[in-house]
Amino acid sequence: MRLPFPSADRPAAALGLCLAVALTMLGSAGCGRSNLVRVRGRVAYSDGSPVPVGRVLLDVGGKPTGAWGRLRSDGRFTIGTLKDNDGVAPGTYRVAIVDAAMTGPDGSGKLLVASQFTEFTTSGLEFKVPEQTDWQIVVEPPADRGRK
């Protein structure tokens, strides 16, 4: 096979071809992230006090998304899909609050949110992205334990 450039230029041409292929691959590798929308919010009780621990999980029609956000002590969170805080693809999401419990000295856990908020099907929490990107989630404490 005869190449269309002189033999002295072949290494430079090969390098150029390799560079073009590498750049194309790098460009396409980021495509999965390009449509992610940043979502943030806060989980609090009706009196405004924050839920200080837990995770916000997202679900699309019974299909887990893998997207979630960890609650900080002030109740704030940001959602991540591929990595922390990178956002979520546009869509309508059901939301559940999980792992919202404080562990006591005896190892027992005190739930911080009513059980209805821990399941996608009963939480009543649903958000549309990109229309809604600042989620203010209001939950209630468990009826039998209350909050102190």
C-alpha atoms as a PDB file:
ATOM      1  CA  MET A   1       0.000   0.000   0.000  1.00  0.00           C
ATOM      2  CA  ARG A   2       1.389   3.358  -0.947  1.00  0.00           C
ATOM      3  CA  LEU A   3       0.794   6.279   1.430  1.00  0.00           C
ATOM      4  CA  PRO A   4      -0.080   9.689  -0.052  1.00  0.00           C
ATOM      5  CA  PHE A   5       2.824  11.472   1.679  1.00  0.00           C
ATOM      6  CA  PRO A   6       6.623  11.083   1.437  1.00  0.00           C
ATOM      7  CA  SER A   7       8.277   8.591   3.796  1.00  0.00           C
ATOM      8  CA  ALA A   8      10.067  11.390   5.699  1.00  0.00           C
ATOM      9  CA  ASP A   9       6.673  12.839   6.698  1.00  0.00           C
ATOM     10  CA  ARG A  10       5.090   9.532   7.762  1.00  0.00           C
ATOM     11  CA  PRO A  11       5.948   9.767  11.502  1.00  0.00           C
ATOM     12  CA  ALA A  12       4.468  13.272  11.699  1.00  0.00           C
ATOM     13  CA  ALA A  13       1.380  12.182   9.764  1.00  0.00           C
ATOM     14  CA  ALA A  14       0.955   9.113  11.985  1.00  0.00           C
ATOM     15  CA  LEU A  15       1.278  11.279  15.094  1.00  0.00           C
ATOM     16  CA  GLY A  16      -1.300  13.685  13.694  1.00  0.00           C
ATOM     17  CA  LEU A  17      -3.694  10.831  12.965  1.00  0.00           C
ATOM     18  CA  CYS A  18      -3.221   9.401  16.474  1.00  0.00           C
ATOM     19  CA  LEU A  19      -3.824  12.829  18.000  1.00  0.00           C
ATOM     20  CA  ALA A  20      -7.019  13.300  15.975  1.00  0.00           C
ATOM     21  CA  VAL A  21      -8.330   9.890  17.076  1.00  0.00           C
ATOM     22  CA  ALA A  22      -7.455  10.585  20.724  1.00  0.00           C
ATOM     23  CA  LEU A  23      -9.208  13.961  20.683  1.00  0.00           C
ATOM     24  CA  THR A  24     -12.297  12.430  19.105  1.00  0.00           C
ATOM     25  CA  MET A  25     -12.392   9.735  21.782  1.00  0.00           C
ATOM     26  CA  LEU A  26     -11.968  12.263  24.588  1.00  0.00           C
ATOM     27  CA  GLY A  27     -14.725  14.406  23.165  1.00  0.00           C
ATOM     28  CA  SER A  28     -17.161  11.522  22.956  1.00  0.00           C
ATOM     29  CA  ALA A  29     -16.275  10.276  26.438  1.00  0.00           C
ATOM     30  CA  GLY A  30     -17.761  13.417  27.954  1.00  0.00           C
ATOM     31  CA  CYS A  31     -21.066  13.143  26.100  1.00  0.00           C
ATOM     32  CA  GLY A  32     -22.712  11.202  28.912  1.00  0.00           C
ATOM     33  CA  ARG A  33     -22.163  14.106  31.297  1.00  0.00           C
ATOM     34  CA  SER A  34     -22.987  16.987  29.009  1.00  0.00           C
ATOM     35  CA  ASN A  35     -26.728  16.740  29.571  1.00  0.00           C
ATOM     36  CA  LEU A  36     -26.591  16.563  33.377  1.00  0.00           C
ATOM     37  CA  VAL A  37     -28.377  19.385  35.194  1.00  0.00           C
ATOM     38  CA  ARG A  38     -27.149  20.617  38.576  1.00  0.00           C
ATOM     39  CA  VAL A  39     -29.722  20.017  41.300  1.00  0.00           C
ATOM     40  CA  ARG A  40     -29.468  21.190  44.883  1.00  0.00           C
ATOM     41  CA  GLY A  41     -31.831  21.613  47.757  1.00  0.00           C
ATOM     42  CA  ARG A  42     -32.581  21.271  51.420  1.00  0.00           C
ATOM     43  CA  VAL A  43     -34.486  18.771  53.540  1.00  0.00           C
ATOM     44  CA  ALA A  44     -36.181  20.249  56.605  1.00  0.00           C
ATOM     45  CA  TYR A  45     -39.140  19.854  58.931  1.00  0.00           C
ATOM     46  CA  SER A  46     -42.209  22.081  58.677  1.00  0.00           C
ATOM     47  CA  ASP A  47     -40.749  24.340  61.404  1.00  0.00           C
ATOM     48  CA  GLY A  48     -37.694  24.982  59.181  1.00  0.00           C
ATOM     49  CA  SER A  49     -35.169  22.997  61.218  1.00  0.00           C
ATOM     50  CA  PRO A  50     -32.900  20.809  59.052  1.00  0.00           C
ATOM     51  CA  VAL A  51     -32.730  17.036  58.761  1.00  0.00           C
ATOM     52  CA  PRO A  52     -28.997  16.747  59.544  1.00  0.00           C
ATOM     53  CA  VAL A  53     -28.173  13.277  58.160  1.00  0.00           C
ATOM     54  CA  GLY A  54     -29.374  10.981  55.406  1.00  0.00           C
ATOM     55  CA  ARG A  55     -29.451  10.689  51.636  1.00  0.00           C
ATOM     56  CA  VAL A  56     -31.819  11.909  48.934  1.00  0.00           C
ATOM     57  CA  LEU A  57     -32.392   9.109  46.378  1.00  0.00           C
ATOM     58  CA  LEU A  58     -33.944   9.473  42.915  1.00  0.00           C
ATOM     59  CA  ASP A  59     -36.116   6.996  41.017  1.00  0.00           C
ATOM     60  CA  VAL A  60     -37.664   7.063  37.533  1.00  0.00           C
ATOM     61  CA  GLY A  61     -40.828   4.968  37.338  1.00  0.00           C
ATOM     62  CA  GLY A  62     -39.521   2.075  39.405  1.00  0.00           C
ATOM     63  CA  LYS A  63     -36.062   2.188  37.847  1.00  0.00           C
ATOM     64  CA  PRO A  64     -33.296   3.314  40.210  1.00  0.00           C
ATOM     65  CA  THR A  65     -31.162   6.033  38.674  1.00  0.00           C
ATOM     66  CA  GLY A  66     -28.057   5.765  40.812  1.00  0.00           C
ATOM     67  CA  ALA A  67     -28.377   9.507  41.414  1.00  0.00           C
ATOM     68  CA  TRP A  68     -28.332  10.711  45.003  1.00  0.00           C
ATOM     69  CA  GLY A  69     -27.174  13.431  47.357  1.00  0.00           C
ATOM     70  CA  ARG A  70     -25.875  13.300  50.928  1.00  0.00           C
ATOM     71  CA  LEU A  71     -27.492  15.583  53.506  1.00  0.00           C
ATOM     72  CA  ARG A  72     -25.143  17.939  55.298  1.00  0.00           C
ATOM     73  CA  SER A  73     -25.767  19.074  58.872  1.00  0.00           C
ATOM     74  CA  ASP A  74     -27.767  22.084  57.620  1.00  0.00           C
ATOM     75  CA  GLY A  75     -30.049  19.788  55.570  1.00  0.00           C
ATOM     76  CA  ARG A  76     -28.566  20.907  52.251  1.00  0.00           C
ATOM     77  CA  PHE A  77     -27.637  18.515  49.451  1.00  0.00           C
ATOM     78  CA  THR A  78     -26.526  18.408  45.827  1.00  0.00           C
ATOM     79  CA  ILE A  79     -27.333  15.530  43.491  1.00  0.00           C
ATOM     80  CA  GLY A  80     -24.705  13.453  41.712  1.00  0.00           C
ATOM     81  CA  THR A  81     -25.089  10.720  39.092  1.00  0.00           C
ATOM     82  CA  LEU A  82     -21.647   9.786  37.770  1.00  0.00           C
ATOM     83  CA  LYS A  83     -19.716  11.526  40.553  1.00  0.00           C
ATOM     84  CA  ASP A  84     -20.529  13.691  43.558  1.00  0.00           C
ATOM     85  CA  ASN A  85     -22.508  16.804  42.698  1.00  0.00           C
ATOM     86  CA  ASP A  86     -22.393  16.467  38.894  1.00  0.00           C
ATOM     87  CA  GLY A  87     -26.167  16.648  38.469  1.00  0.00           C
ATOM     88  CA  VAL A  88     -28.878  14.497  36.916  1.00  0.00           C
ATOM     89  CA  ALA A  89     -30.274  13.993  33.421  1.00  0.00           C
ATOM     90  CA  PRO A  90     -33.499  15.852  32.561  1.00  0.00           C
ATOM     91  CA  GLY A  91     -36.616  13.941  33.579  1.00  0.00           C
ATOM     92  CA  THR A  92     -39.272  13.478  36.249  1.00  0.00           C
ATOM     93  CA  TYR A  93     -37.978  11.908  39.449  1.00  0.00           C
ATOM     94  CA  ARG A  94     -39.614  10.387  42.487  1.00  0.00           C
ATOM     95  CA  VAL A  95     -37.607  11.063  45.631  1.00  0.00           C
ATOM     96  CA  ALA A  96     -37.063   9.219  48.914  1.00  0.00           C
ATOM     97  CA  ILE A  97     -35.096  10.184  52.012  1.00  0.00           C
ATOM     98  CA  VAL A  98     -33.065   7.278  53.399  1.00  0.00           C
ATOM     99  CA  ASP A  99     -30.480   6.721  56.138  1.00  0.00           C
ATOM    100  CA  ALA A 100     -31.965   9.617  58.129  1.00  0.00           C
ATOM    101  CA  ALA A 101     -31.222   8.253  61.590  1.00  0.00           C
ATOM    102  CA  MET A 102     -29.075   9.161  64.544  1.00  0.00           C
ATOM    103  CA  THR A 103     -27.230   6.347  66.291  1.00  0.00           C
ATOM    104  CA  GLY A 104     -27.358   6.442  70.062  1.00  0.00           C
ATOM    105  CA  PRO A 105     -24.617   5.380  72.490  1.00  0.00           C
ATOM    106  CA  ASP A 106     -26.220   1.929  72.792  1.00  0.00           C
ATOM    107  CA  GLY A 107     -26.065   1.452  69.008  1.00  0.00           C
ATOM    108  CA  SER A 108     -29.794   1.904  68.503  1.00  0.00           C
ATOM    109  CA  GLY A 109     -30.987   4.239  65.773  1.00  0.00           C
ATOM    110  CA  LYS A 110     -33.456   7.071  66.141  1.00  0.00           C
ATOM    111  CA  LEU A 111     -35.312   7.679  62.874  1.00  0.00           C
ATOM    112  CA  LEU A 112     -35.484  11.339  61.911  1.00  0.00           C
ATOM    113  CA  VAL A 113     -38.179  11.210  59.223  1.00  0.00           C
ATOM    114  CA  ALA A 114     -41.585   9.536  59.047  1.00  0.00           C
ATOM    115  CA  SER A 115     -41.418   6.186  57.263  1.00  0.00           C
ATOM    116  CA  GLN A 116     -43.611   7.421  54.391  1.00  0.00           C
ATOM    117  CA  PHE A 117     -40.667   9.558  53.178  1.00  0.00           C
ATOM    118  CA  THR A 118     -38.313   6.571  52.979  1.00  0.00           C
ATOM    119  CA  GLU A 119     -40.104   4.970  49.996  1.00  0.00           C
ATOM    120  CA  PHE A 120     -40.518   6.345  46.472  1.00  0.00           C
ATOM    121  CA  THR A 121     -44.085   5.080  46.291  1.00  0.00           C
ATOM    122  CA  THR A 122     -45.262   6.788  49.491  1.00  0.00           C
ATOM    123  CA  SER A 123     -43.111   9.908  49.847  1.00  0.00           C
ATOM    124  CA  GLY A 124     -45.242  12.090  47.581  1.00  0.00           C
ATOM    125  CA  LEU A 125     -42.022  13.806  46.511  1.00  0.00           C
ATOM    126  CA  GLU A 126     -41.604  14.319  42.768  1.00  0.00           C
ATOM    127  CA  PHE A 127     -39.514  16.830  40.835  1.00  0.00           C
ATOM    128  CA  LYS A 128     -39.044  17.725  37.168  1.00  0.00           C
ATOM    129  CA  VAL A 129     -35.569  18.548  35.904  1.00  0.00           C
ATOM    130  CA  PRO A 130     -34.586  21.009  34.446  1.00  0.00           C
ATOM    131  CA  GLU A 131     -37.739  22.926  35.443  1.00  0.00           C
ATOM    132  CA  GLN A 132     -37.024  22.345  39.136  1.00  0.00           C
ATOM    133  CA  THR A 133     -33.385  22.508  40.223  1.00  0.00           C
ATOM    134  CA  ASP A 134     -33.685  23.912  43.764  1.00  0.00           C
ATOM    135  CA  TRP A 135     -35.623  21.344  45.774  1.00  0.00           C
ATOM    136  CA  GLN A 136     -37.038  22.451  49.114  1.00  0.00           C
ATOM    137  CA  ILE A 137     -38.217  19.186  50.684  1.00  0.00           C
ATOM    138  CA  VAL A 138     -40.413  19.324  53.779  1.00  0.00           C
ATOM    139  CA  VAL A 139     -40.729  16.132  55.831  1.00  0.00           C
ATOM    140  CA  GLU A 140     -42.292  15.169  59.134  1.00  0.00           C
ATOM    141  CA  PRO A 141     -40.621  13.338  62.028  1.00  0.00           C
ATOM    142  CA  PRO A 142     -41.812   9.830  62.913  1.00  0.00           C
ATOM    143  CA  ALA A 143     -45.166  10.042  64.706  1.00  0.00           C
ATOM    144  CA  ASP A 144     -44.178   7.604  67.461  1.00  0.00           C
ATOM    145  CA  ARG A 145     -40.801   9.131  68.264  1.00  0.00           C
ATOM    146  CA  GLY A 146     -41.008  12.824  67.489  1.00  0.00           C
ATOM    147  CA  ARG A 147     -37.896  14.987  67.626  1.00  0.00           C
ATOM    148  CA  LYS A 148     -35.976  16.387  70.552  1.00  0.00           C
END
